[in-house]
Amino acid sequence: MSTWITIASGLAGLNVLLLAALSVVWLRNYRQFRSPLVLGLLAFSTVMLVENLGAIYFFFSMGMLYASDPAAQQFVAALRGLETVALAFLTYVTWQ
């Protein structure tokens, strides 16, 4: 596995942790308030959690998808990095 795919895998793993924390908070809030908005946030975190777990699976099982093009590897890592930044902000404001 290349360095860029390793970085992308690590960022996807970090995203899973952030999404798990968000899911716990939003599930607790939904149980308390029964708000459709909070239910939407919970659905969002669940879908993103499944997507990141799927990405980790494919990074380890099918690394050859990105093997031929280093630019594609860098782009995938950059997208995972942007997602991590967005989730970090969302996690920060949710925990406030």
N, C-alpha and C. Protein backbone atom coordinates (compact mmCIF):
# COMPACT_ATOMS: atom_id res chain seq x y z
N MET A 1 0.85 -1.16 0.00
CA MET A 1 0.00 0.00 0.00
C MET A 1 0.90 1.24 0.00
N SER A 2 0.53 2.21 -0.84
CA SER A 2 1.35 3.41 -0.95
C SER A 2 1.16 4.33 0.25
N THR A 3 2.03 5.30 0.34
CA THR A 3 1.97 6.26 1.43
C THR A 3 0.66 7.04 1.42
N TRP A 4 0.22 7.47 0.24
CA TRP A 4 -1.00 8.27 0.13
C TRP A 4 -2.24 7.46 0.53
N ILE A 5 -2.27 6.21 0.15
CA ILE A 5 -3.42 5.36 0.52
C ILE A 5 -3.38 5.08 2.02
N THR A 6 -2.19 4.94 2.58
CA THR A 6 -2.07 4.76 4.02
C THR A 6 -2.59 5.99 4.76
N ILE A 7 -2.25 7.17 4.26
CA ILE A 7 -2.74 8.42 4.85
C ILE A 7 -4.26 8.49 4.73
N ALA A 8 -4.78 8.17 3.56
CA ALA A 8 -6.24 8.20 3.35
C ALA A 8 -6.93 7.20 4.27
N SER A 9 -6.34 6.03 4.48
CA SER A 9 -6.91 5.04 5.39
C SER A 9 -6.92 5.54 6.83
N GLY A 10 -5.84 6.17 7.24
CA GLY A 10 -5.78 6.73 8.59
C GLY A 10 -6.80 7.84 8.80
N LEU A 11 -6.97 8.69 7.79
CA LEU A 11 -7.97 9.75 7.89
C LEU A 11 -9.38 9.18 7.92
N ALA A 12 -9.64 8.14 7.14
CA ALA A 12 -10.95 7.49 7.18
C ALA A 12 -11.21 6.88 8.56
N GLY A 13 -10.17 6.31 9.17
CA GLY A 13 -10.30 5.77 10.52
C GLY A 13 -10.61 6.87 11.53
N LEU A 14 -9.96 8.01 11.39
CA LEU A 14 -10.24 9.16 12.26
C LEU A 14 -11.68 9.65 12.05
N ASN A 15 -12.12 9.66 10.80
CA ASN A 15 -13.50 10.04 10.50
C ASN A 15 -14.49 9.11 11.17
N VAL A 16 -14.19 7.83 11.19
CA VAL A 16 -15.06 6.85 11.86
C VAL A 16 -15.18 7.19 13.35
N LEU A 17 -14.08 7.52 13.98
CA LEU A 17 -14.11 7.88 15.40
C LEU A 17 -14.93 9.15 15.65
N LEU A 18 -14.73 10.17 14.80
CA LEU A 18 -15.49 11.40 14.95
C LEU A 18 -16.99 11.16 14.72
N LEU A 19 -17.31 10.37 13.72
CA LEU A 19 -18.72 10.07 13.43
C LEU A 19 -19.36 9.24 14.52
N ALA A 20 -18.60 8.35 15.12
CA ALA A 20 -19.13 7.56 16.23
C ALA A 20 -19.46 8.47 17.41
N ALA A 21 -18.59 9.42 17.70
CA ALA A 21 -18.85 10.36 18.79
C ALA A 21 -20.07 11.21 18.49
N LEU A 22 -20.18 11.69 17.25
CA LEU A 22 -21.34 12.48 16.87
C LEU A 22 -22.62 11.66 16.96
N SER A 23 -22.56 10.42 16.54
CA SER A 23 -23.75 9.55 16.58
C SER A 23 -24.23 9.34 18.00
N VAL A 24 -23.30 9.17 18.93
CA VAL A 24 -23.68 8.97 20.33
C VAL A 24 -24.40 10.21 20.86
N VAL A 25 -23.85 11.38 20.58
CA VAL A 25 -24.46 12.62 21.07
C VAL A 25 -25.83 12.82 20.44
N TRP A 26 -25.91 12.64 19.12
CA TRP A 26 -27.18 12.87 18.43
C TRP A 26 -28.23 11.83 18.80
N LEU A 27 -27.83 10.61 19.05
CA LEU A 27 -28.79 9.60 19.49
C LEU A 27 -29.33 9.95 20.86
N ARG A 28 -28.46 10.37 21.76
CA ARG A 28 -28.90 10.79 23.09
C ARG A 28 -29.85 11.99 23.00
N ASN A 29 -29.51 12.96 22.14
CA ASN A 29 -30.37 14.13 21.97
C ASN A 29 -31.71 13.75 21.34
N TYR A 30 -31.70 12.83 20.40
CA TYR A 30 -32.96 12.43 19.77
C TYR A 30 -33.87 11.72 20.78
N ARG A 31 -33.31 10.89 21.60
CA ARG A 31 -34.11 10.21 22.63
C ARG A 31 -34.74 11.21 23.59
N GLN A 32 -34.04 12.30 23.83
CA GLN A 32 -34.54 13.29 24.78
C GLN A 32 -35.56 14.24 24.13
N PHE A 33 -35.28 14.72 22.90
CA PHE A 33 -36.09 15.77 22.30
C PHE A 33 -37.04 15.31 21.20
N ARG A 34 -36.78 14.17 20.57
CA ARG A 34 -37.59 13.65 19.46
C ARG A 34 -37.75 14.66 18.32
N SER A 35 -36.69 15.38 18.03
CA SER A 35 -36.70 16.39 16.99
C SER A 35 -36.36 15.78 15.63
N PRO A 36 -37.11 16.12 14.57
CA PRO A 36 -36.78 15.62 13.23
C PRO A 36 -35.40 16.08 12.75
N LEU A 37 -34.99 17.27 13.18
CA LEU A 37 -33.67 17.76 12.80
C LEU A 37 -32.57 16.88 13.37
N VAL A 38 -32.69 16.51 14.62
CA VAL A 38 -31.69 15.65 15.26
C VAL A 38 -31.72 14.26 14.62
N LEU A 39 -32.91 13.78 14.25
CA LEU A 39 -33.01 12.50 13.56
C LEU A 39 -32.29 12.56 12.20
N GLY A 40 -32.42 13.69 11.53
CA GLY A 40 -31.70 13.89 10.26
C GLY A 40 -30.19 13.88 10.46
N LEU A 41 -29.73 14.52 11.52
CA LEU A 41 -28.29 14.51 11.82
C LEU A 41 -27.81 13.10 12.15
N LEU A 42 -28.63 12.35 12.86
CA LEU A 42 -28.29 10.97 13.18
C LEU A 42 -28.22 10.12 11.92
N ALA A 43 -29.16 10.31 11.01
CA ALA A 43 -29.14 9.59 9.73
C ALA A 43 -27.90 9.96 8.92
N PHE A 44 -27.56 11.25 8.91
CA PHE A 44 -26.37 11.72 8.22
C PHE A 44 -25.12 11.03 8.75
N SER A 45 -24.98 11.00 10.07
CA SER A 45 -23.78 10.39 10.66
C SER A 45 -23.73 8.89 10.38
N THR A 46 -24.88 8.23 10.36
CA THR A 46 -24.91 6.80 10.08
C THR A 46 -24.47 6.51 8.64
N VAL A 47 -24.98 7.29 7.69
CA VAL A 47 -24.60 7.10 6.29
C VAL A 47 -23.11 7.37 6.10
N MET A 48 -22.61 8.45 6.70
CA MET A 48 -21.19 8.77 6.57
C MET A 48 -20.31 7.72 7.25
N LEU A 49 -20.80 7.16 8.33
CA LEU A 49 -20.07 6.10 9.02
C LEU A 49 -19.94 4.88 8.14
N VAL A 50 -21.02 4.48 7.50
CA VAL A 50 -20.99 3.33 6.59
C VAL A 50 -20.06 3.61 5.41
N GLU A 51 -20.11 4.84 4.88
CA GLU A 51 -19.25 5.20 3.75
C GLU A 51 -17.78 5.12 4.13
N ASN A 52 -17.41 5.61 5.31
CA ASN A 52 -16.01 5.58 5.73
C ASN A 52 -15.55 4.16 6.03
N LEU A 53 -16.40 3.34 6.62
CA LEU A 53 -16.04 1.94 6.85
C LEU A 53 -15.86 1.21 5.52
N GLY A 54 -16.73 1.50 4.56
CA GLY A 54 -16.57 0.92 3.22
C GLY A 54 -15.28 1.36 2.56
N ALA A 55 -14.92 2.63 2.72
CA ALA A 55 -13.67 3.13 2.16
C ALA A 55 -12.47 2.41 2.76
N ILE A 56 -12.48 2.23 4.07
CA ILE A 56 -11.37 1.53 4.73
C ILE A 56 -11.27 0.11 4.19
N TYR A 57 -12.40 -0.57 4.05
CA TYR A 57 -12.40 -1.93 3.51
C TYR A 57 -11.77 -1.95 2.11
N PHE A 58 -12.19 -1.03 1.25
CA PHE A 58 -11.66 -1.03 -0.11
C PHE A 58 -10.21 -0.58 -0.18
N PHE A 59 -9.79 0.29 0.71
CA PHE A 59 -8.38 0.69 0.72
C PHE A 59 -7.50 -0.53 1.00
N PHE A 60 -7.93 -1.40 1.91
CA PHE A 60 -7.11 -2.56 2.25
C PHE A 60 -7.31 -3.74 1.31
N SER A 61 -8.50 -3.90 0.76
CA SER A 61 -8.75 -5.07 -0.07
C SER A 61 -8.51 -4.82 -1.55
N MET A 62 -8.64 -3.56 -2.00
CA MET A 62 -8.51 -3.28 -3.43
C MET A 62 -7.64 -2.06 -3.66
N GLY A 63 -6.49 -2.04 -3.05
CA GLY A 63 -5.57 -0.93 -3.20
C GLY A 63 -5.14 -0.69 -4.63
N MET A 64 -5.27 -1.73 -5.47
CA MET A 64 -4.82 -1.59 -6.85
C MET A 64 -5.70 -0.65 -7.66
N LEU A 65 -6.88 -0.26 -7.14
CA LEU A 65 -7.72 0.69 -7.86
C LEU A 65 -7.00 2.02 -8.06
N TYR A 66 -6.19 2.42 -7.10
CA TYR A 66 -5.47 3.69 -7.17
C TYR A 66 -3.98 3.49 -7.45
N ALA A 67 -3.55 2.26 -7.63
CA ALA A 67 -2.11 1.96 -7.69
C ALA A 67 -1.42 2.59 -8.89
N SER A 68 -2.10 2.74 -9.99
CA SER A 68 -1.41 3.18 -11.20
C SER A 68 -1.26 4.70 -11.29
N ASP A 69 -1.96 5.45 -10.49
CA ASP A 69 -1.92 6.91 -10.63
C ASP A 69 -1.69 7.60 -9.29
N PRO A 70 -0.47 8.10 -9.06
CA PRO A 70 -0.19 8.80 -7.81
C PRO A 70 -1.06 10.05 -7.61
N ALA A 71 -1.45 10.71 -8.70
CA ALA A 71 -2.31 11.89 -8.58
C ALA A 71 -3.67 11.50 -8.00
N ALA A 72 -4.20 10.35 -8.41
CA ALA A 72 -5.47 9.87 -7.87
C ALA A 72 -5.33 9.56 -6.38
N GLN A 73 -4.21 8.99 -6.00
CA GLN A 73 -3.97 8.68 -4.59
C GLN A 73 -3.93 9.97 -3.76
N GLN A 74 -3.24 10.98 -4.27
CA GLN A 74 -3.16 12.26 -3.56
C GLN A 74 -4.53 12.92 -3.46
N PHE A 75 -5.32 12.81 -4.53
CA PHE A 75 -6.65 13.40 -4.54
C PHE A 75 -7.56 12.72 -3.52
N VAL A 76 -7.50 11.39 -3.46
CA VAL A 76 -8.30 10.64 -2.48
C VAL A 76 -7.89 11.03 -1.06
N ALA A 77 -6.61 11.14 -0.81
CA ALA A 77 -6.13 11.54 0.52
C ALA A 77 -6.57 12.97 0.84
N ALA A 78 -6.54 13.86 -0.15
CA ALA A 78 -6.97 15.24 0.08
C ALA A 78 -8.46 15.30 0.40
N LEU A 79 -9.27 14.52 -0.30
CA LEU A 79 -10.70 14.49 -0.01
C LEU A 79 -10.98 13.97 1.39
N ARG A 80 -10.25 12.91 1.78
CA ARG A 80 -10.41 12.39 3.15
C ARG A 80 -9.99 13.44 4.16
N GLY A 81 -8.94 14.20 3.85
CA GLY A 81 -8.48 15.25 4.75
C GLY A 81 -9.52 16.36 4.90
N LEU A 82 -10.14 16.77 3.79
CA LEU A 82 -11.20 17.78 3.86
C LEU A 82 -12.39 17.28 4.67
N GLU A 83 -12.73 16.02 4.49
CA GLU A 83 -13.82 15.43 5.27
C GLU A 83 -13.48 15.43 6.76
N THR A 84 -12.25 15.12 7.08
CA THR A 84 -11.81 15.12 8.47
C THR A 84 -11.91 16.51 9.08
N VAL A 85 -11.50 17.52 8.35
CA VAL A 85 -11.59 18.90 8.84
C VAL A 85 -13.05 19.27 9.08
N ALA A 86 -13.92 18.95 8.14
CA ALA A 86 -15.34 19.27 8.28
C ALA A 86 -15.94 18.55 9.49
N LEU A 87 -15.61 17.28 9.65
CA LEU A 87 -16.15 16.53 10.79
C LEU A 87 -15.56 17.02 12.12
N ALA A 88 -14.32 17.47 12.10
CA ALA A 88 -13.72 18.01 13.32
C ALA A 88 -14.46 19.28 13.75
N PHE A 89 -14.77 20.17 12.81
CA PHE A 89 -15.55 21.36 13.14
C PHE A 89 -16.93 20.98 13.66
N LEU A 90 -17.58 20.05 12.98
CA LEU A 90 -18.92 19.62 13.38
C LEU A 90 -18.90 18.98 14.77
N THR A 91 -17.89 18.18 15.04
CA THR A 91 -17.76 17.56 16.35
C THR A 91 -17.52 18.61 17.43
N TYR A 92 -16.68 19.58 17.12
CA TYR A 92 -16.38 20.64 18.09
C TYR A 92 -17.64 21.41 18.46
N VAL A 93 -18.41 21.85 17.45
CA VAL A 93 -19.60 22.66 17.76
C VAL A 93 -20.70 21.81 18.39
N THR A 94 -20.74 20.52 18.09
CA THR A 94 -21.74 19.65 18.70
C THR A 94 -21.45 19.44 20.17
N TRP A 95 -20.19 19.31 20.53
CA TRP A 95 -19.83 19.06 21.93
C TRP A 95 -19.90 20.33 22.77
N GLN A 96 -20.03 21.50 22.13
CA GLN A 96 -20.11 22.76 22.89
C GLN A 96 -21.44 22.93 23.54
